[in-house]
Amino acid sequence: MTDLAYNNVVRFKNISKKKEGIFANFKVKGVRNGTTFTAMIAVDLDAADVDPGDPLEKIIEACAQIGVKEVQKSDFQFEGLTSI
């Protein structure tokens, strides 16, 4: 993970169909400030305003932009710290 070419990269995994809709799935791995993190992102195609009949490149790009934007502005909390 020390190679910067593979740091904080969003990788497309697959497209899955569930009862709730069709989702583009991504995996993120990175190192920031000495912390290694891994995240899975699933973006609904309806939220990205793309049609399943669109070219795959267009679907991936539109969904990745939404996923990255949401992960960057997210605020995480540690679960269970209040019980200590």
Protein backbone atom coordinates (compact mmCIF):
# COMPACT_ATOMS: atom_id res chain seq x y z
CA MET A 1 0.00 0.00 0.00
CA THR A 2 3.03 2.27 0.13
CA ASP A 3 2.95 2.69 -3.66
CA LEU A 4 1.05 5.94 -4.30
CA ALA A 5 -0.31 4.57 -7.58
CA TYR A 6 -2.55 2.21 -5.56
CA ASN A 7 -3.42 4.63 -2.74
CA ASN A 8 -6.97 6.01 -2.46
CA VAL A 9 -8.11 4.36 -5.67
CA VAL A 10 -11.77 3.61 -6.34
CA ARG A 11 -12.09 0.32 -8.22
CA PHE A 12 -15.21 -0.85 -10.01
CA LYS A 13 -16.23 -4.35 -8.85
CA ASN A 14 -19.55 -5.21 -10.50
CA ILE A 15 -23.17 -4.33 -11.11
CA SER A 16 -25.73 -6.15 -9.01
CA LYS A 17 -29.50 -6.37 -9.19
CA LYS A 18 -31.47 -6.51 -5.94
CA LYS A 19 -35.10 -6.01 -4.96
CA GLU A 20 -34.38 -2.35 -4.21
CA GLY A 21 -32.83 -1.64 -7.63
CA ILE A 22 -29.68 -1.99 -9.73
CA PHE A 23 -26.40 -0.98 -8.05
CA ALA A 24 -22.86 -0.27 -9.23
CA ASN A 25 -20.41 -1.58 -6.63
CA PHE A 26 -16.97 -0.12 -5.93
CA LYS A 27 -14.11 -0.86 -3.54
CA VAL A 28 -11.81 1.80 -2.07
CA LYS A 29 -8.44 1.12 -0.42
CA GLY A 30 -6.11 3.75 0.87
CA VAL A 31 -3.76 5.15 3.46
CA ARG A 32 -4.30 8.56 5.01
CA ASN A 33 -2.38 10.00 7.98
CA GLY A 34 -1.05 6.56 8.95
CA THR A 35 -4.47 4.92 8.86
CA THR A 36 -5.24 2.17 6.37
CA PHE A 37 -8.86 2.01 5.29
CA THR A 38 -11.07 -0.09 3.05
CA ALA A 39 -14.59 0.83 2.00
CA MET A 40 -17.30 -0.68 -0.16
CA ILE A 41 -19.59 1.69 -2.04
CA ALA A 42 -22.89 0.75 -3.72
CA VAL A 43 -24.55 3.43 -5.86
CA ASP A 44 -28.12 3.07 -7.15
CA LEU A 45 -28.28 3.62 -10.91
CA ASP A 46 -31.48 5.64 -10.46
CA ALA A 47 -29.65 8.07 -8.15
CA ALA A 48 -26.99 8.57 -10.83
CA ASP A 49 -29.60 9.32 -13.51
CA VAL A 50 -28.27 6.61 -15.83
CA ASP A 51 -30.19 3.91 -17.68
CA PRO A 52 -29.13 0.24 -17.53
CA GLY A 53 -28.99 0.36 -21.33
CA ASP A 54 -26.31 3.10 -21.32
CA PRO A 55 -22.70 2.16 -22.12
CA LEU A 56 -20.91 0.60 -19.15
CA GLU A 57 -18.26 3.33 -19.12
CA LYS A 58 -20.93 6.02 -18.66
CA ILE A 59 -22.60 4.08 -15.84
CA ILE A 60 -19.30 3.50 -14.02
CA GLU A 61 -18.17 7.12 -14.33
CA ALA A 62 -21.47 8.64 -13.17
CA CYS A 63 -21.80 6.27 -10.20
CA ALA A 64 -18.14 6.64 -9.18
CA GLN A 65 -18.44 10.43 -9.05
CA ILE A 66 -21.43 10.17 -6.71
CA GLY A 67 -19.76 7.53 -4.54
CA VAL A 68 -16.50 9.46 -4.13
CA LYS A 69 -18.31 12.70 -3.34
CA GLU A 70 -20.42 11.05 -0.63
CA VAL A 71 -17.47 9.23 0.96
CA GLN A 72 -15.38 12.41 1.07
CA LYS A 73 -18.04 14.37 2.93
CA SER A 74 -19.06 11.55 5.29
CA ASP A 75 -18.52 11.82 9.03
CA PHE A 76 -17.91 8.57 10.89
CA GLN A 77 -18.41 7.79 14.56
CA PHE A 78 -16.95 4.92 16.57
CA GLU A 79 -19.72 2.57 17.65
CA GLY A 80 -19.68 1.37 21.21
CA LEU A 81 -17.44 4.01 22.74
CA THR A 82 -20.32 5.36 24.84
CA SER A 83 -20.67 2.01 26.65
CA ILE A 84 -17.13 2.20 28.13
